[in-house]
Amino acid sequence: MHDDNLVRMANDIGNFFRGAVPHDEAIEAIAAHIGKFWTRKMQAKLVAQARLADCGLDELPLAAVRRLPQPDDSAIVLQQPLTHG
C-alpha cells in the first residue's frame, strides 16, 4: 500500500531539483530537504515505502531516500485503523 501523499511530495521535491543542479547534487539536496523539513515519522514511512518493489518514487527521490538514516523496522509506525473495545 502506497502512502501516496508522501510519495507525491517526494517526487515534487525531486522535480524541483531535476535539471536545476547536477544529478548527484540533486540527490543530496532532496535528502537534505527531507531530513530537515520532514518529521521522523514521515521519513520512516517514506523509507518503508521505498523498500517496496513498486514504491512509486521517481529515480532522484528514491536515491535520496536511500541516503537517509534507515530506521530499524520496529521504529516504523504505519497508520493502522483505530479499534474500540
C-alpha atoms as a PDB file:
ATOM      1  CA  MET A   1       0.000   0.000   0.000  1.00  0.00           C
ATOM      2  CA  HIS A   2       1.370   3.369  -1.021  1.00  0.00           C
ATOM      3  CA  ASP A   3       1.438   6.415   1.173  1.00  0.00           C
ATOM      4  CA  ASP A   4       0.509   8.486  -1.851  1.00  0.00           C
ATOM      5  CA  ASN A   5       0.878  11.905  -0.211  1.00  0.00           C
ATOM      6  CA  LEU A   6       4.459  11.290   0.922  1.00  0.00           C
ATOM      7  CA  VAL A   7       5.413   9.777  -2.432  1.00  0.00           C
ATOM      8  CA  ARG A   8       3.833  12.701  -4.298  1.00  0.00           C
ATOM      9  CA  MET A   9       5.615  15.240  -2.090  1.00  0.00           C
ATOM     10  CA  ALA A  10       8.978  13.483  -2.504  1.00  0.00           C
ATOM     11  CA  ASN A  11       8.500  13.321  -6.273  1.00  0.00           C
ATOM     12  CA  ASP A  12       7.562  17.024  -6.312  1.00  0.00           C
ATOM     13  CA  ILE A  13      10.783  17.846  -4.479  1.00  0.00           C
ATOM     14  CA  GLY A  14      12.667  15.709  -6.996  1.00  0.00           C
ATOM     15  CA  ASN A  15      11.027  17.544  -9.887  1.00  0.00           C
ATOM     16  CA  PHE A  16      12.075  20.871  -8.371  1.00  0.00           C
ATOM     17  CA  PHE A  17      15.746  19.860  -8.277  1.00  0.00           C
ATOM     18  CA  ARG A  18      15.762  17.864 -11.548  1.00  0.00           C
ATOM     19  CA  GLY A  19      17.690  19.867 -14.109  1.00  0.00           C
ATOM     20  CA  ALA A  20      18.382  22.703 -11.674  1.00  0.00           C
ATOM     21  CA  VAL A  21      21.584  21.139 -10.377  1.00  0.00           C
ATOM     22  CA  PRO A  22      23.752  18.172 -11.399  1.00  0.00           C
ATOM     23  CA  HIS A  23      22.359  14.689 -10.704  1.00  0.00           C
ATOM     24  CA  ASP A  24      24.381  13.903  -7.544  1.00  0.00           C
ATOM     25  CA  GLU A  25      23.770  17.367  -6.107  1.00  0.00           C
ATOM     26  CA  ALA A  26      20.042  16.943  -6.734  1.00  0.00           C
ATOM     27  CA  ILE A  27      20.029  13.675  -4.765  1.00  0.00           C
ATOM     28  CA  GLU A  28      21.900  15.312  -1.883  1.00  0.00           C
ATOM     29  CA  ALA A  29      19.578  18.340  -1.928  1.00  0.00           C
ATOM     30  CA  ILE A  30      16.468  16.143  -1.872  1.00  0.00           C
ATOM     31  CA  ALA A  31      17.836  14.071   1.017  1.00  0.00           C
ATOM     32  CA  ALA A  32      18.794  17.262   2.897  1.00  0.00           C
ATOM     33  CA  HIS A  33      15.343  18.777   2.374  1.00  0.00           C
ATOM     34  CA  ILE A  34      13.538  15.659   3.585  1.00  0.00           C
ATOM     35  CA  GLY A  35      15.926  15.311   6.515  1.00  0.00           C
ATOM     36  CA  LYS A  36      15.470  18.932   7.546  1.00  0.00           C
ATOM     37  CA  PHE A  37      11.772  19.576   6.985  1.00  0.00           C
ATOM     38  CA  TRP A  38      10.031  16.202   7.354  1.00  0.00           C
ATOM     39  CA  THR A  39       9.231  14.658  10.717  1.00  0.00           C
ATOM     40  CA  ARG A  40      10.959  11.430  11.699  1.00  0.00           C
ATOM     41  CA  LYS A  41       7.644   9.626  11.322  1.00  0.00           C
ATOM     42  CA  MET A  42       7.234  10.922   7.754  1.00  0.00           C
ATOM     43  CA  GLN A  43      10.817   9.946   6.933  1.00  0.00           C
ATOM     44  CA  ALA A  44      10.340   6.461   8.389  1.00  0.00           C
ATOM     45  CA  LYS A  45       7.164   5.936   6.366  1.00  0.00           C
ATOM     46  CA  LEU A  46       8.914   7.061   3.184  1.00  0.00           C
ATOM     47  CA  VAL A  47      11.864   4.758   3.882  1.00  0.00           C
ATOM     48  CA  ALA A  48       9.431   1.861   4.373  1.00  0.00           C
ATOM     49  CA  GLN A  49       7.643   2.796   1.143  1.00  0.00           C
ATOM     50  CA  ALA A  50      10.958   2.886  -0.737  1.00  0.00           C
ATOM     51  CA  ARG A  51      11.573  -0.737   0.238  1.00  0.00           C
ATOM     52  CA  LEU A  52       8.585  -1.868  -1.847  1.00  0.00           C
ATOM     53  CA  ALA A  53       9.189  -3.091  -5.396  1.00  0.00           C
ATOM     54  CA  ASP A  54       6.651  -0.658  -6.860  1.00  0.00           C
ATOM     55  CA  CYS A  55       7.104   2.198  -4.416  1.00  0.00           C
ATOM     56  CA  GLY A  56       6.020   4.985  -6.773  1.00  0.00           C
ATOM     57  CA  LEU A  57       9.116   7.097  -6.191  1.00  0.00           C
ATOM     58  CA  ASP A  58      10.955   8.593  -9.145  1.00  0.00           C
ATOM     59  CA  GLU A  59      14.681   7.933  -9.594  1.00  0.00           C
ATOM     60  CA  LEU A  60      16.036  11.007  -7.767  1.00  0.00           C
ATOM     61  CA  PRO A  61      13.807  10.833  -4.675  1.00  0.00           C
ATOM     62  CA  LEU A  62      14.388   7.079  -4.431  1.00  0.00           C
ATOM     63  CA  ALA A  63      18.166   7.599  -4.455  1.00  0.00           C
ATOM     64  CA  ALA A  64      17.777  10.383  -1.887  1.00  0.00           C
ATOM     65  CA  VAL A  65      15.681   8.212   0.434  1.00  0.00           C
ATOM     66  CA  ARG A  66      18.413   5.568   0.354  1.00  0.00           C
ATOM     67  CA  ARG A  67      20.803   8.189   1.778  1.00  0.00           C
ATOM     68  CA  LEU A  68      18.527   8.971   4.730  1.00  0.00           C
ATOM     69  CA  PRO A  69      19.131   7.280   8.071  1.00  0.00           C
ATOM     70  CA  GLN A  70      17.489   3.881   7.828  1.00  0.00           C
ATOM     71  CA  PRO A  71      15.434   3.171  10.950  1.00  0.00           C
ATOM     72  CA  ASP A  72      15.034  -0.397  12.035  1.00  0.00           C
ATOM     73  CA  ASP A  73      11.664  -1.912  11.231  1.00  0.00           C
ATOM     74  CA  SER A  74      10.448  -1.597  14.816  1.00  0.00           C
ATOM     75  CA  ALA A  75      10.777   2.200  14.582  1.00  0.00           C
ATOM     76  CA  ILE A  76       8.488   2.441  11.570  1.00  0.00           C
ATOM     77  CA  VAL A  77       4.961   3.293  12.599  1.00  0.00           C
ATOM     78  CA  LEU A  78       2.446   2.727   9.852  1.00  0.00           C
ATOM     79  CA  GLN A  79      -1.082   4.008  10.048  1.00  0.00           C
ATOM     80  CA  GLN A  80      -3.428   1.417  11.427  1.00  0.00           C
ATOM     81  CA  PRO A  81      -7.162   1.692  11.978  1.00  0.00           C
ATOM     82  CA  LEU A  82      -8.264   2.598  15.465  1.00  0.00           C
ATOM     83  CA  THR A  83     -10.040  -0.133  17.351  1.00  0.00           C
ATOM     84  CA  HIS A  84     -12.555   0.395  20.062  1.00  0.00           C
ATOM     85  CA  GLY A  85     -13.227  -2.052  22.765  1.00  0.00           C
END
